Amino acid sequence: MPLFLLALCQSLLLCSAQVLLKIALTRMGTFAWTGAFWWSLLTNWWLLASGVLFAGAAVLWMYILRHFPFSHAYPLVSMAYVFGIIAAVLVFHETIAWTQWVGVLLIMGGCYLVTQ
């Protein structure tokens, strides 16, 4: 059970980082090789927060890999896909096809089987 909880936290961090990255990119101006553009990247708080969450997810992932078998840990990363679909609905108000929901259920079932 500790592996599942750690992987759950890692997947939440990873998904949150991806959501913040998407928000940062939608608020970003047109890409250009100018100093103003690069300065806008450095002052984009959404992007910086995304980087912090990515770093946290990476550190937690390193801990998981160090202490648990790879064959058990790696499949649990797919929980990030489940959280991604939920974030798409709640944050970005996207419409999700029923086939995607079936995929989410299959992923959840697979995660359950991996932890058994």
Protein backbone atom coordinates (compact mmCIF):
# COMPACT_ATOMS: atom_id res chain seq x y z
CA MET A 1 0.00 0.00 0.00
CA PRO A 2 2.80 2.54 0.61
CA LEU A 3 3.83 2.25 -3.05
CA PHE A 4 0.30 2.97 -4.21
CA LEU A 5 0.00 6.08 -2.01
CA LEU A 6 3.40 7.39 -3.08
CA ALA A 7 2.60 6.77 -6.75
CA LEU A 8 -0.76 8.48 -6.27
CA CYS A 9 0.97 11.58 -4.86
CA GLN A 10 3.58 11.50 -7.63
CA SER A 11 0.87 11.25 -10.30
CA LEU A 12 -1.05 14.15 -8.74
CA LEU A 13 2.10 16.28 -8.71
CA LEU A 14 2.84 15.37 -12.32
CA CYS A 15 -0.69 16.11 -13.50
CA SER A 16 -0.81 19.39 -11.59
CA ALA A 17 2.47 20.42 -13.19
CA GLN A 18 1.06 19.63 -16.64
CA VAL A 19 -2.10 21.66 -15.94
CA LEU A 20 -0.04 24.65 -14.81
CA LEU A 21 2.19 24.27 -17.86
CA LYS A 22 -0.84 24.39 -20.15
CA ILE A 23 -2.14 27.49 -18.37
CA ALA A 24 1.31 29.11 -18.61
CA LEU A 25 1.52 28.40 -22.33
CA THR A 26 -1.92 29.85 -23.02
CA ARG A 27 -0.90 33.08 -21.24
CA MET A 28 2.42 33.30 -23.03
CA GLY A 29 2.99 35.60 -25.97
CA THR A 30 4.17 34.59 -29.41
CA PHE A 31 7.52 32.84 -29.39
CA ALA A 32 10.40 35.08 -30.45
CA TRP A 33 14.15 35.15 -29.98
CA THR A 34 14.03 38.46 -28.16
CA GLY A 35 15.10 39.41 -24.67
CA ALA A 36 11.57 40.52 -23.84
CA PHE A 37 10.22 37.07 -24.65
CA TRP A 38 12.78 35.29 -22.49
CA TRP A 39 12.16 37.75 -19.66
CA SER A 40 8.43 37.02 -19.92
CA LEU A 41 9.25 33.32 -19.49
CA LEU A 42 11.23 34.01 -16.33
CA THR A 43 8.40 36.09 -14.85
CA ASN A 44 5.60 33.71 -15.81
CA TRP A 45 4.54 32.49 -12.36
CA TRP A 46 2.39 29.70 -13.83
CA LEU A 47 5.47 28.36 -15.61
CA LEU A 48 7.64 28.64 -12.51
CA ALA A 49 5.03 26.88 -10.37
CA SER A 50 4.83 24.16 -12.99
CA GLY A 51 8.60 23.69 -12.80
CA VAL A 52 8.48 23.41 -9.01
CA LEU A 53 5.78 20.73 -9.24
CA PHE A 54 7.71 18.86 -11.96
CA ALA A 55 10.78 18.92 -9.70
CA GLY A 56 8.75 17.62 -6.76
CA ALA A 57 7.30 14.82 -8.89
CA ALA A 58 10.80 13.91 -10.10
CA VAL A 59 12.22 13.74 -6.57
CA LEU A 60 9.31 11.60 -5.39
CA TRP A 61 9.74 9.37 -8.45
CA MET A 62 13.43 8.91 -7.60
CA TYR A 63 12.45 7.86 -4.09
CA ILE A 64 9.91 5.38 -5.47
CA LEU A 65 12.41 3.90 -7.91
CA ARG A 66 15.00 3.57 -5.17
CA HIS A 67 12.74 1.70 -2.75
CA PHE A 68 10.32 -0.36 -4.85
CA PRO A 69 10.58 -2.84 -7.72
CA PHE A 70 10.47 -1.14 -11.12
CA SER A 71 7.91 -3.66 -12.39
CA HIS A 72 5.50 -2.56 -9.65
CA ALA A 73 6.23 1.17 -9.67
CA TYR A 74 6.30 2.02 -13.37
CA PRO A 75 2.76 0.90 -14.29
CA LEU A 76 1.37 3.12 -11.52
CA VAL A 77 2.61 6.21 -13.35
CA SER A 78 -0.38 5.70 -15.64
CA MET A 79 -2.58 7.13 -12.87
CA ALA A 80 -1.45 10.52 -14.16
CA TYR A 81 -3.57 9.83 -17.27
CA VAL A 82 -6.63 9.37 -15.09
CA PHE A 83 -5.99 12.66 -13.31
CA GLY A 84 -5.30 14.30 -16.67
CA ILE A 85 -8.74 13.39 -17.99
CA ILE A 86 -10.36 14.66 -14.80
CA ALA A 87 -8.36 17.92 -15.04
CA ALA A 88 -9.38 18.29 -18.70
CA VAL A 89 -13.02 18.25 -17.61
CA LEU A 90 -12.76 20.31 -14.43
CA VAL A 91 -10.12 22.87 -15.36
CA PHE A 92 -10.29 23.18 -19.14
CA HIS A 93 -13.99 22.25 -19.59
CA GLU A 94 -13.21 19.75 -22.34
CA THR A 95 -15.66 17.16 -23.57
CA ILE A 96 -14.43 13.62 -23.10
CA ALA A 97 -15.64 10.82 -25.39
CA TRP A 98 -17.06 7.68 -23.82
CA THR A 99 -14.17 5.68 -25.29
CA GLN A 100 -11.74 7.80 -23.29
CA TRP A 101 -13.72 7.08 -20.12
CA VAL A 102 -13.51 3.36 -20.92
CA GLY A 103 -9.75 3.80 -21.26
CA VAL A 104 -9.63 5.50 -17.86
CA LEU A 105 -11.50 2.58 -16.30
CA LEU A 106 -9.09 0.11 -17.91
CA ILE A 107 -6.11 2.07 -16.59
CA MET A 108 -7.62 2.10 -13.10
CA GLY A 109 -8.24 -1.64 -13.33
CA GLY A 110 -4.66 -2.19 -14.44
CA CYS A 111 -3.33 -0.15 -11.52
CA TYR A 112 -5.44 -2.23 -9.17
CA LEU A 113 -4.09 -5.48 -10.64
CA VAL A 114 -0.48 -4.27 -10.44
CA THR A 115 -0.85 -3.55 -6.72
CA GLN A 116 -2.26 -7.02 -5.96
